[in-house]
Amino acid sequence: MELIKAVPLGFILSFAIALIIGSQGSRGGQLMIYRAEIYQYELWWSWPVFIFGTGLAWGILMLQR
C-alpha cells in the first residue's frame, strides 16, 4: 500500500526537478532529463529521478509504518 502512495510523490519530485533543470537548457547529465511533447504541451521528465524519488518516498513511508 505504501508503494501506491509513493508513486504520486515520485511523480511530483521528478516533474519539479526536471522542470527546473530542463527549462534552463541543461540535460542534467546522469539525470537524463528530456522534453516530451504531448499534443501541444511540453513536459520535462526524468525516469531516473522518478524511480529514485519513488523509492525514497516508499522508504520514508515504510519507516513511518
Protein backbone atom coordinates (compact mmCIF):
# COMPACT_ATOMS: atom_id res chain seq x y z
CA MET A 1 0.00 0.00 0.00
CA GLU A 2 2.90 2.36 0.73
CA LEU A 3 4.24 1.92 -2.79
CA ILE A 4 0.95 3.11 -4.25
CA LYS A 5 1.14 6.18 -2.02
CA ALA A 6 4.78 6.79 -3.01
CA VAL A 7 4.22 6.88 -6.80
CA PRO A 8 2.49 10.31 -6.86
CA LEU A 9 5.22 11.72 -4.62
CA GLY A 10 7.87 10.39 -7.02
CA PHE A 11 5.96 11.95 -9.93
CA ILE A 12 5.85 15.36 -8.23
CA LEU A 13 9.54 15.24 -7.34
CA SER A 14 10.56 14.18 -10.85
CA PHE A 15 8.38 16.79 -12.52
CA ALA A 16 9.66 19.61 -10.29
CA ILE A 17 13.35 18.76 -10.67
CA ALA A 18 13.10 18.12 -14.41
CA LEU A 19 11.17 21.35 -14.94
CA ILE A 20 13.72 23.44 -13.06
CA ILE A 21 16.81 21.88 -14.66
CA GLY A 22 15.36 21.20 -18.12
CA SER A 23 13.88 24.65 -18.65
CA GLN A 24 17.37 26.14 -18.16
CA GLY A 25 18.63 24.19 -21.17
CA SER A 26 20.56 21.52 -19.30
CA ARG A 27 20.13 17.76 -19.76
CA GLY A 28 21.15 17.06 -16.17
CA GLY A 29 23.91 14.58 -17.02
CA GLN A 30 23.09 11.35 -15.17
CA LEU A 31 19.51 12.55 -14.59
CA MET A 32 18.73 12.12 -18.33
CA ILE A 33 16.16 14.90 -18.47
CA TYR A 34 14.31 15.17 -21.76
CA ARG A 35 11.41 17.16 -23.17
CA ALA A 36 8.34 15.16 -24.13
CA GLU A 37 5.69 16.76 -26.31
CA ILE A 38 2.14 15.64 -25.66
CA TYR A 39 -0.10 17.28 -28.27
CA GLN A 40 0.87 20.95 -27.98
CA TYR A 41 2.14 20.74 -24.39
CA GLU A 42 5.74 20.33 -23.25
CA LEU A 43 6.60 18.10 -20.33
CA TRP A 44 10.09 17.82 -18.85
CA TRP A 45 10.70 14.33 -17.49
CA SER A 46 13.39 12.11 -15.99
CA TRP A 47 12.89 8.40 -15.37
CA PRO A 48 15.93 8.00 -13.05
CA VAL A 49 14.65 10.82 -10.79
CA PHE A 50 11.16 9.30 -10.81
CA ILE A 51 12.46 5.87 -9.77
CA PHE A 52 14.76 7.34 -7.09
CA GLY A 53 12.05 9.68 -5.79
CA THR A 54 9.50 6.88 -5.61
CA GLY A 55 12.00 4.67 -3.78
CA LEU A 56 12.85 7.46 -1.36
CA ALA A 57 9.18 8.20 -0.63
CA TRP A 58 8.44 4.49 -0.26
CA GLY A 59 11.29 4.11 2.23
CA ILE A 60 10.11 7.07 4.29
CA LEU A 61 6.53 5.77 4.29
CA MET A 62 7.76 2.33 5.37
CA LEU A 63 9.70 3.91 8.25
CA GLN A 64 6.55 5.68 9.44
CA ARG A 65 4.57 2.45 9.41
